């Protein structure tokens, strides 16, 4: 007789925590930009977040911030008559 290896019974695995929502990711990116991220949220981000999402939102928020500053400078210069 040929003994075939018996498959191991699978141990019940803990369900994976759900990934971060868009709003949770955005909140974390904005909090990190201001340097006020809580330890609990930082732990949550490292365990459930995807790096690509944080990078993409970080780049978009930075670009939006730069465009906002550019617009404000143009507005102030326009109101002062210097432009």
C-alpha atoms as a PDB file:
ATOM      1  CA  UNK A   1       0.000   0.000   0.000  1.00  0.00           C
ATOM      2  CA  UNK A   2       1.107   3.476  -0.785  1.00  0.00           C
ATOM      3  CA  UNK A   3       0.635   5.986   2.022  1.00  0.00           C
ATOM      4  CA  UNK A   4      -0.326   9.396   0.753  1.00  0.00           C
ATOM      5  CA  UNK A   5       0.324  12.361   2.984  1.00  0.00           C
ATOM      6  CA  UNK A   6      -2.810  13.453   4.704  1.00  0.00           C
ATOM      7  CA  UNK A   7      -3.668  17.111   4.295  1.00  0.00           C
ATOM      8  CA  UNK A   8      -3.256  19.050   7.470  1.00  0.00           C
ATOM      9  CA  UNK A   9      -6.441  20.379   8.922  1.00  0.00           C
ATOM     10  CA  UNK A  10      -6.518  24.086   8.399  1.00  0.00           C
ATOM     11  CA  UNK A  11      -6.467  26.135  11.503  1.00  0.00           C
ATOM     12  CA  UNK A  12      -9.143  28.763  11.700  1.00  0.00           C
ATOM     13  CA  UNK A  13      -7.539  32.024  10.730  1.00  0.00           C
ATOM     14  CA  UNK A  14      -8.452  35.346  12.170  1.00  0.00           C
ATOM     15  CA  UNK A  15     -10.337  37.427   9.641  1.00  0.00           C
ATOM     16  CA  UNK A  16      -8.217  40.164   8.132  1.00  0.00           C
ATOM     17  CA  UNK A  17      -9.142  43.650   9.266  1.00  0.00           C
ATOM     18  CA  UNK A  18     -10.830  45.681   6.543  1.00  0.00           C
ATOM     19  CA  UNK A  19      -8.607  48.049   4.563  1.00  0.00           C
ATOM     20  CA  UNK A  20      -8.724  51.751   5.322  1.00  0.00           C
ATOM     21  CA  UNK A  21     -11.450  53.791   3.703  1.00  0.00           C
ATOM     22  CA  UNK A  22     -10.646  56.775   1.503  1.00  0.00           C
ATOM     23  CA  UNK A  23     -11.601  59.169   4.320  1.00  0.00           C
ATOM     24  CA  UNK A  24      -9.456  57.369   6.897  1.00  0.00           C
ATOM     25  CA  UNK A  25      -6.497  57.483   4.513  1.00  0.00           C
ATOM     26  CA  UNK A  26      -7.070  61.165   3.739  1.00  0.00           C
ATOM     27  CA  UNK A  27      -7.358  61.958   7.455  1.00  0.00           C
ATOM     28  CA  UNK A  28      -4.063  60.170   8.111  1.00  0.00           C
ATOM     29  CA  UNK A  29      -2.294  61.981   5.257  1.00  0.00           C
ATOM     30  CA  UNK A  30      -3.509  65.384   6.463  1.00  0.00           C
ATOM     31  CA  UNK A  31      -2.639  64.590  10.084  1.00  0.00           C
ATOM     32  CA  UNK A  32       0.839  63.489   9.015  1.00  0.00           C
ATOM     33  CA  UNK A  33       1.280  66.701   7.011  1.00  0.00           C
ATOM     34  CA  UNK A  34       0.592  68.731  10.150  1.00  0.00           C
ATOM     35  CA  UNK A  35       2.518  66.334  12.404  1.00  0.00           C
ATOM     36  CA  UNK A  36      -0.396  65.535  14.699  1.00  0.00           C
ATOM     37  CA  UNK A  37      -1.028  61.833  13.969  1.00  0.00           C
ATOM     38  CA  UNK A  38      -2.082  59.829  17.041  1.00  0.00           C
ATOM     39  CA  UNK A  39      -0.263  56.650  17.972  1.00  0.00           C
ATOM     40  CA  UNK A  40      -3.435  54.597  17.650  1.00  0.00           C
ATOM     41  CA  UNK A  41      -4.076  55.837  14.107  1.00  0.00           C
ATOM     42  CA  UNK A  42      -0.434  55.340  13.150  1.00  0.00           C
ATOM     43  CA  UNK A  43      -0.629  51.720  14.297  1.00  0.00           C
ATOM     44  CA  UNK A  44      -3.874  51.272  12.363  1.00  0.00           C
ATOM     45  CA  UNK A  45      -2.295  52.781   9.246  1.00  0.00           C
ATOM     46  CA  UNK A  46       0.727  50.463   9.351  1.00  0.00           C
ATOM     47  CA  UNK A  47      -1.404  47.365   9.886  1.00  0.00           C
ATOM     48  CA  UNK A  48      -4.278  48.075   7.488  1.00  0.00           C
ATOM     49  CA  UNK A  49      -3.115  50.760   5.060  1.00  0.00           C
ATOM     50  CA  UNK A  50      -1.557  50.330   1.643  1.00  0.00           C
ATOM     51  CA  UNK A  51       1.582  52.372   0.960  1.00  0.00           C
ATOM     52  CA  UNK A  52       0.506  53.238  -2.574  1.00  0.00           C
ATOM     53  CA  UNK A  53      -2.671  54.875  -1.313  1.00  0.00           C
ATOM     54  CA  UNK A  54      -0.742  57.043   1.138  1.00  0.00           C
ATOM     55  CA  UNK A  55       1.812  58.034  -1.501  1.00  0.00           C
ATOM     56  CA  UNK A  56      -0.841  58.930  -4.068  1.00  0.00           C
ATOM     57  CA  UNK A  57      -2.893  60.991  -1.629  1.00  0.00           C
ATOM     58  CA  UNK A  58       0.243  62.641  -0.255  1.00  0.00           C
ATOM     59  CA  UNK A  59       1.344  63.739  -3.724  1.00  0.00           C
ATOM     60  CA  UNK A  60      -2.159  64.974  -4.594  1.00  0.00           C
ATOM     61  CA  UNK A  61      -2.511  66.905  -1.331  1.00  0.00           C
ATOM     62  CA  UNK A  62       0.930  68.465  -1.804  1.00  0.00           C
ATOM     63  CA  UNK A  63       0.078  69.517  -5.369  1.00  0.00           C
ATOM     64  CA  UNK A  64      -3.231  70.976  -4.187  1.00  0.00           C
ATOM     65  CA  UNK A  65      -1.432  72.878  -1.425  1.00  0.00           C
ATOM     66  CA  UNK A  66       1.099  74.323  -3.887  1.00  0.00           C
ATOM     67  CA  UNK A  67      -1.677  75.370  -6.295  1.00  0.00           C
ATOM     68  CA  UNK A  68      -3.587  76.975  -3.428  1.00  0.00           C
ATOM     69  CA  UNK A  69      -0.518  78.973  -2.383  1.00  0.00           C
ATOM     70  CA  UNK A  70       0.101  80.004  -5.989  1.00  0.00           C
ATOM     71  CA  UNK A  71      -3.498  81.192  -6.307  1.00  0.00           C
ATOM     72  CA  UNK A  72      -3.315  83.139  -3.057  1.00  0.00           C
ATOM     73  CA  UNK A  73      -0.093  84.875  -4.114  1.00  0.00           C
ATOM     74  CA  UNK A  74      -1.615  85.781  -7.486  1.00  0.00           C
ATOM     75  CA  UNK A  75      -4.716  87.133  -5.725  1.00  0.00           C
ATOM     76  CA  UNK A  76      -2.717  89.249  -3.284  1.00  0.00           C
ATOM     77  CA  UNK A  77      -0.467  90.579  -6.044  1.00  0.00           C
ATOM     78  CA  UNK A  78      -3.500  91.349  -8.188  1.00  0.00           C
ATOM     79  CA  UNK A  79      -5.230  93.220  -5.370  1.00  0.00           C
ATOM     80  CA  UNK A  80      -2.087  95.201  -4.606  1.00  0.00           C
ATOM     81  CA  UNK A  81      -1.661  96.235  -8.228  1.00  0.00           C
ATOM     82  CA  UNK A  82       1.787  94.654  -8.488  1.00  0.00           C
ATOM     83  CA  UNK A  83       0.822  92.070 -11.099  1.00  0.00           C
END
